[in-house]
């Protein structure tokens, strides 16, 4: 009797494992809080373009009008516009350019740029 109960429980466990792929597994990745989109206007202090060989991500450092700096992560989904509202790339932005940036703060505390617009 004990052996048949043990065999039944082992088969039940194996059946659960076989059907486990049909159920989504929650992935706990901190997503940006898109309910709080902040805007920043300032001048560019530095632009770094991603280099996967060195493990670097694209970033832009903006100086605010009060003198403080903010480092923003620039992802592939970040939209970048020139002064005429034409889409452009991160490589066009230069030091001392004035920009307006919309960004969110991630769960880890990083500022992630949603859009960057060059100002005249």
N, C-alpha and C. Protein backbone atom coordinates (compact mmCIF):
# COMPACT_ATOMS: atom_id res chain seq x y z
N UNK A 1 0.81 -1.18 0.00
CA UNK A 1 0.00 0.00 0.00
C UNK A 1 0.87 1.26 0.00
N UNK A 2 1.93 1.22 0.83
CA UNK A 2 2.82 2.37 0.90
C UNK A 2 3.55 2.57 -0.43
N UNK A 3 3.93 1.46 -1.06
CA UNK A 3 4.65 1.56 -2.33
C UNK A 3 3.76 2.14 -3.43
N UNK A 4 2.50 1.74 -3.46
CA UNK A 4 1.61 2.25 -4.50
C UNK A 4 1.31 3.73 -4.26
N UNK A 5 1.24 4.17 -3.02
CA UNK A 5 1.05 5.58 -2.71
C UNK A 5 2.28 6.38 -3.14
N UNK A 6 3.45 5.85 -2.89
CA UNK A 6 4.70 6.51 -3.28
C UNK A 6 4.80 6.60 -4.80
N UNK A 7 4.45 5.54 -5.52
CA UNK A 7 4.48 5.55 -6.98
C UNK A 7 3.47 6.56 -7.51
N UNK A 8 2.30 6.63 -6.91
CA UNK A 8 1.28 7.59 -7.32
C UNK A 8 1.77 9.03 -7.14
N UNK A 9 2.38 9.32 -6.02
CA UNK A 9 2.89 10.68 -5.77
C UNK A 9 4.03 11.04 -6.71
N UNK A 10 4.89 10.10 -7.02
CA UNK A 10 5.98 10.35 -7.98
C UNK A 10 5.40 10.62 -9.36
N UNK A 11 4.43 9.85 -9.78
CA UNK A 11 3.79 10.08 -11.09
C UNK A 11 3.06 11.41 -11.12
N UNK A 12 2.44 11.78 -10.04
CA UNK A 12 1.74 13.06 -9.95
C UNK A 12 2.75 14.21 -10.06
N UNK A 13 3.87 14.07 -9.39
CA UNK A 13 4.92 15.10 -9.47
C UNK A 13 5.49 15.20 -10.88
N UNK A 14 5.71 14.08 -11.53
CA UNK A 14 6.23 14.08 -12.90
C UNK A 14 5.23 14.73 -13.85
N UNK A 15 3.94 14.48 -13.65
CA UNK A 15 2.92 15.08 -14.50
C UNK A 15 2.91 16.60 -14.32
N UNK A 16 3.10 17.07 -13.11
CA UNK A 16 3.16 18.52 -12.84
C UNK A 16 4.35 19.15 -13.57
N UNK A 17 5.48 18.48 -13.53
CA UNK A 17 6.67 19.01 -14.19
C UNK A 17 6.47 19.06 -15.70
N UNK A 18 5.82 18.03 -16.26
CA UNK A 18 5.59 18.00 -17.71
C UNK A 18 4.67 19.12 -18.16
N UNK A 19 3.70 19.51 -17.35
CA UNK A 19 2.76 20.55 -17.72
C UNK A 19 3.18 21.93 -17.23
N UNK A 20 4.30 22.03 -16.56
CA UNK A 20 4.74 23.32 -16.02
C UNK A 20 5.08 24.32 -17.11
N UNK A 21 5.49 23.86 -18.29
CA UNK A 21 5.87 24.77 -19.37
C UNK A 21 4.67 25.51 -19.94
N UNK A 22 3.46 25.05 -19.67
CA UNK A 22 2.26 25.70 -20.19
C UNK A 22 1.86 26.92 -19.38
N UNK A 23 2.43 27.09 -18.22
CA UNK A 23 2.05 28.21 -17.36
C UNK A 23 3.15 29.25 -17.37
N UNK A 24 2.78 30.53 -17.48
CA UNK A 24 3.81 31.58 -17.47
C UNK A 24 4.47 31.69 -16.10
N UNK A 25 5.74 31.91 -16.13
CA UNK A 25 6.49 32.10 -14.90
C UNK A 25 6.73 33.59 -14.75
N UNK A 26 6.33 34.18 -13.63
CA UNK A 26 6.53 35.63 -13.47
C UNK A 26 8.02 35.96 -13.39
N UNK A 27 8.40 37.00 -14.11
CA UNK A 27 9.77 37.47 -14.08
C UNK A 27 9.76 38.79 -13.33
N UNK A 28 10.56 38.86 -12.29
CA UNK A 28 10.59 40.06 -11.47
C UNK A 28 11.75 40.94 -11.92
N UNK A 29 11.45 41.81 -12.88
CA UNK A 29 12.42 42.79 -13.37
C UNK A 29 11.82 44.14 -13.06
N UNK A 30 12.62 45.02 -12.50
CA UNK A 30 12.07 46.31 -12.14
C UNK A 30 11.89 47.14 -13.40
N UNK A 31 10.67 47.44 -13.71
CA UNK A 31 10.34 48.24 -14.88
C UNK A 31 10.25 49.70 -14.48
N UNK A 32 10.48 50.60 -15.43
CA UNK A 32 10.35 52.00 -15.08
C UNK A 32 8.93 52.36 -14.69
N UNK A 33 8.81 53.27 -13.76
CA UNK A 33 7.51 53.74 -13.34
C UNK A 33 7.04 54.77 -14.35
N UNK A 34 6.27 54.32 -15.33
CA UNK A 34 5.86 55.20 -16.43
C UNK A 34 4.80 56.20 -16.02
N UNK A 35 4.31 56.11 -14.79
CA UNK A 35 3.32 57.08 -14.35
C UNK A 35 3.97 58.41 -14.01
N UNK A 36 5.27 58.43 -13.76
CA UNK A 36 5.97 59.66 -13.40
C UNK A 36 7.02 59.96 -14.47
N UNK A 37 6.62 60.72 -15.48
CA UNK A 37 7.55 61.14 -16.52
C UNK A 37 8.01 62.55 -16.16
N UNK A 38 9.32 62.70 -16.05
CA UNK A 38 9.89 64.00 -15.68
C UNK A 38 10.52 64.64 -16.90
N UNK A 39 10.63 65.97 -16.88
CA UNK A 39 11.22 66.72 -17.98
C UNK A 39 12.39 67.52 -17.45
N UNK A 40 13.44 67.58 -18.25
CA UNK A 40 14.66 68.29 -17.88
C UNK A 40 15.15 69.08 -19.09
N UNK A 41 15.51 70.33 -18.88
CA UNK A 41 16.10 71.14 -19.93
C UNK A 41 17.48 71.57 -19.44
N UNK A 42 18.50 71.37 -20.28
CA UNK A 42 19.85 71.73 -19.90
C UNK A 42 20.80 71.57 -21.06
N UNK A 43 22.10 71.66 -20.75
CA UNK A 43 23.11 71.49 -21.80
C UNK A 43 23.86 70.19 -21.59
N UNK A 44 24.32 69.62 -22.69
CA UNK A 44 25.02 68.33 -22.66
C UNK A 44 26.45 68.55 -22.18
N UNK A 45 26.86 67.76 -21.19
CA UNK A 45 28.24 67.75 -20.73
C UNK A 45 29.04 66.64 -21.39
N UNK A 46 28.40 65.50 -21.62
CA UNK A 46 29.11 64.37 -22.24
C UNK A 46 28.10 63.41 -22.85
N UNK A 47 28.54 62.75 -23.93
CA UNK A 47 27.74 61.72 -24.59
C UNK A 47 28.63 60.50 -24.75
N UNK A 48 28.16 59.35 -24.32
CA UNK A 48 28.92 58.12 -24.55
C UNK A 48 28.02 57.13 -25.27
N UNK A 49 28.54 56.57 -26.35
CA UNK A 49 27.79 55.62 -27.17
C UNK A 49 28.17 54.21 -26.73
N UNK A 50 27.20 53.31 -26.73
CA UNK A 50 27.39 51.95 -26.25
C UNK A 50 28.53 51.24 -26.97
N UNK A 51 29.29 50.46 -26.19
CA UNK A 51 30.35 49.61 -26.73
C UNK A 51 30.23 48.27 -26.02
N UNK A 52 29.61 47.31 -26.71
CA UNK A 52 29.35 46.02 -26.08
C UNK A 52 30.63 45.26 -25.76
N UNK A 53 31.69 45.50 -26.52
CA UNK A 53 32.95 44.81 -26.25
C UNK A 53 33.52 45.23 -24.89
N UNK A 54 33.30 46.48 -24.53
CA UNK A 54 33.79 46.99 -23.25
C UNK A 54 32.73 46.95 -22.16
N UNK A 55 31.52 46.55 -22.53
CA UNK A 55 30.44 46.48 -21.55
C UNK A 55 29.87 47.84 -21.19
N UNK A 56 29.95 48.81 -22.09
CA UNK A 56 29.45 50.16 -21.83
C UNK A 56 28.09 50.36 -22.47
N UNK A 57 27.22 51.07 -21.78
CA UNK A 57 25.91 51.40 -22.34
C UNK A 57 25.89 52.87 -22.74
N UNK A 58 24.95 53.23 -23.59
CA UNK A 58 24.83 54.62 -24.05
C UNK A 58 24.32 55.48 -22.90
N UNK A 59 25.00 56.59 -22.67
CA UNK A 59 24.62 57.51 -21.62
C UNK A 59 24.82 58.94 -22.09
N UNK A 60 24.11 59.84 -21.46
CA UNK A 60 24.26 61.26 -21.73
C UNK A 60 24.23 61.97 -20.37
N UNK A 61 25.13 62.93 -20.20
CA UNK A 61 25.19 63.69 -18.96
C UNK A 61 24.70 65.10 -19.27
N UNK A 62 23.67 65.53 -18.54
CA UNK A 62 23.05 66.83 -18.74
C UNK A 62 23.32 67.71 -17.52
N UNK A 63 23.73 68.96 -17.77
CA UNK A 63 23.85 69.95 -16.71
C UNK A 63 22.57 70.73 -16.61
N UNK A 64 22.01 70.77 -15.43
CA UNK A 64 20.80 71.55 -15.21
C UNK A 64 21.15 73.01 -15.05
N UNK A 65 20.14 73.86 -15.05
CA UNK A 65 20.38 75.29 -14.92
C UNK A 65 20.91 75.65 -13.54
N UNK A 66 20.64 74.84 -12.53
CA UNK A 66 21.13 75.11 -11.18
C UNK A 66 22.54 74.56 -10.96
N UNK A 67 23.15 73.99 -12.00
CA UNK A 67 24.52 73.52 -11.91
C UNK A 67 24.69 72.04 -11.61
N UNK A 68 23.63 71.36 -11.23
CA UNK A 68 23.74 69.93 -10.96
C UNK A 68 23.72 69.14 -12.26
N UNK A 69 24.23 67.93 -12.20
CA UNK A 69 24.28 67.07 -13.38
C UNK A 69 23.39 65.85 -13.18
N UNK A 70 22.88 65.34 -14.28
CA UNK A 70 22.09 64.12 -14.25
C UNK A 70 22.59 63.20 -15.35
N UNK A 71 22.89 61.96 -14.98
CA UNK A 71 23.32 60.94 -15.94
C UNK A 71 22.08 60.17 -16.38
N UNK A 72 21.85 60.12 -17.69
CA UNK A 72 20.68 59.44 -18.24
C UNK A 72 21.12 58.28 -19.11
N UNK A 73 20.48 57.14 -18.95
CA UNK A 73 20.72 55.99 -19.80
C UNK A 73 19.92 56.19 -21.09
N UNK A 74 20.56 55.99 -22.23
CA UNK A 74 19.90 56.12 -23.52
C UNK A 74 19.78 54.71 -24.11
N UNK A 75 18.54 54.24 -24.23
CA UNK A 75 18.29 52.90 -24.76
C UNK A 75 17.98 52.98 -26.25
N UNK A 76 17.87 51.85 -26.88
CA UNK A 76 17.54 51.82 -28.31
C UNK A 76 16.11 52.31 -28.57
N UNK A 77 15.28 52.30 -27.55
CA UNK A 77 13.90 52.77 -27.69
C UNK A 77 13.76 54.27 -27.46
N UNK A 78 14.84 54.93 -27.05
CA UNK A 78 14.80 56.37 -26.81
C UNK A 78 14.71 57.09 -28.16
N UNK A 79 13.75 58.01 -28.28
CA UNK A 79 13.62 58.78 -29.51
C UNK A 79 14.43 60.07 -29.38
N UNK A 80 15.18 60.39 -30.43
CA UNK A 80 16.04 61.57 -30.43
C UNK A 80 15.65 62.42 -31.63
N UNK A 81 15.39 63.71 -31.39
CA UNK A 81 14.98 64.64 -32.44
C UNK A 81 15.94 65.82 -32.50
N UNK A 82 16.12 66.36 -33.71
CA UNK A 82 16.90 67.58 -33.84
C UNK A 82 15.97 68.77 -33.62
N UNK A 83 16.47 69.99 -33.82
CA UNK A 83 15.68 71.20 -33.55
C UNK A 83 14.47 71.32 -34.46
N UNK A 84 14.51 70.68 -35.64
CA UNK A 84 13.39 70.73 -36.59
C UNK A 84 12.44 69.54 -36.42
N UNK A 85 12.55 68.81 -35.32
CA UNK A 85 11.72 67.65 -35.02
C UNK A 85 11.92 66.50 -35.99
N UNK A 86 13.10 66.39 -36.58
CA UNK A 86 13.42 65.25 -37.44
C UNK A 86 14.15 64.21 -36.60
N UNK A 87 13.79 62.94 -36.74
CA UNK A 87 14.49 61.90 -35.98
C UNK A 87 15.98 61.88 -36.32
N UNK A 88 16.79 61.70 -35.32
CA UNK A 88 18.23 61.66 -35.50
C UNK A 88 18.82 60.64 -34.54
N UNK A 89 20.13 60.51 -34.54
CA UNK A 89 20.79 59.54 -33.68
C UNK A 89 21.56 60.19 -32.55
N UNK A 90 22.01 59.39 -31.63
CA UNK A 90 22.78 59.87 -30.49
C UNK A 90 24.11 60.45 -30.92
N UNK A 91 24.65 59.97 -32.04
CA UNK A 91 25.96 60.44 -32.50
C UNK A 91 25.94 61.89 -32.99
N UNK A 92 24.75 62.45 -33.20
CA UNK A 92 24.63 63.84 -33.66
C UNK A 92 24.74 64.82 -32.49
N UNK A 93 24.40 64.37 -31.29
CA UNK A 93 24.44 65.25 -30.13
C UNK A 93 25.88 65.54 -29.73
N UNK A 94 26.15 66.80 -29.42
CA UNK A 94 27.50 67.25 -29.07
C UNK A 94 27.50 67.96 -27.71
N UNK A 95 28.67 68.07 -27.15
CA UNK A 95 28.85 68.79 -25.89
C UNK A 95 28.41 70.24 -26.08
N UNK A 96 27.74 70.78 -25.08
CA UNK A 96 27.22 72.16 -25.03
C UNK A 96 25.91 72.34 -25.79
N UNK A 97 25.40 71.31 -26.48
CA UNK A 97 24.08 71.42 -27.12
C UNK A 97 23.03 71.54 -26.02
N UNK A 98 22.03 72.38 -26.25
CA UNK A 98 20.92 72.48 -25.31
C UNK A 98 19.86 71.47 -25.73
N UNK A 99 19.34 70.74 -24.76
CA UNK A 99 18.36 69.69 -25.03
C UNK A 99 17.24 69.73 -24.01
N UNK A 100 16.12 69.15 -24.42
CA UNK A 100 14.99 68.92 -23.52
C UNK A 100 14.78 67.41 -23.48
N UNK A 101 14.82 66.85 -22.29
CA UNK A 101 14.76 65.40 -22.13
C UNK A 101 13.56 65.00 -21.28
N UNK A 102 12.82 64.01 -21.74
CA UNK A 102 11.77 63.38 -20.94
C UNK A 102 12.33 62.05 -20.47
N UNK A 103 12.20 61.79 -19.16
CA UNK A 103 12.80 60.57 -18.62
C UNK A 103 11.98 60.03 -17.46
N UNK A 104 12.24 58.77 -17.14
CA UNK A 104 11.64 58.10 -15.99
C UNK A 104 12.76 57.56 -15.12
N UNK A 105 12.45 57.34 -13.87
CA UNK A 105 13.42 56.74 -12.95
C UNK A 105 13.04 55.28 -12.73
N UNK A 106 13.99 54.37 -12.96
CA UNK A 106 13.72 52.94 -12.82
C UNK A 106 13.69 52.55 -11.35
N UNK A 107 13.29 51.33 -11.09
CA UNK A 107 13.24 50.81 -9.72
C UNK A 107 14.60 50.79 -9.05
N UNK A 108 15.67 50.69 -9.86
CA UNK A 108 17.02 50.69 -9.30
C UNK A 108 17.55 52.10 -9.06
N UNK A 109 16.78 53.11 -9.50
CA UNK A 109 17.20 54.50 -9.29
C UNK A 109 17.91 55.13 -10.46
N UNK A 110 17.97 54.44 -11.61
CA UNK A 110 18.61 54.99 -12.79
C UNK A 110 17.62 55.87 -13.56
N UNK A 111 18.11 56.97 -14.12
CA UNK A 111 17.29 57.82 -14.97
C UNK A 111 17.40 57.29 -16.41
N UNK A 112 16.27 56.97 -17.00
CA UNK A 112 16.25 56.39 -18.34
C UNK A 112 15.53 57.36 -19.27
N UNK A 113 16.24 57.83 -20.31
CA UNK A 113 15.69 58.80 -21.23
C UNK A 113 14.63 58.16 -22.12
N UNK A 114 13.47 58.81 -22.23
CA UNK A 114 12.42 58.37 -23.13
C UNK A 114 12.54 59.11 -24.47
N UNK A 115 12.81 60.42 -24.39
CA UNK A 115 12.99 61.21 -25.60
C UNK A 115 13.96 62.35 -25.33
N UNK A 116 14.71 62.72 -26.36
CA UNK A 116 15.68 63.81 -26.30
C UNK A 116 15.42 64.70 -27.50
N UNK A 117 15.27 66.01 -27.25
CA UNK A 117 15.06 66.96 -28.35
C UNK A 117 16.11 68.06 -28.24
N UNK A 118 16.82 68.28 -29.36
CA UNK A 118 17.77 69.38 -29.42
C UNK A 118 17.00 70.69 -29.47
N UNK A 119 17.51 71.68 -28.77
CA UNK A 119 16.91 73.02 -28.81
C UNK A 119 17.81 73.93 -29.62
N UNK A 120 17.24 75.00 -30.13
CA UNK A 120 18.03 75.95 -30.94
C UNK A 120 18.99 76.75 -30.09
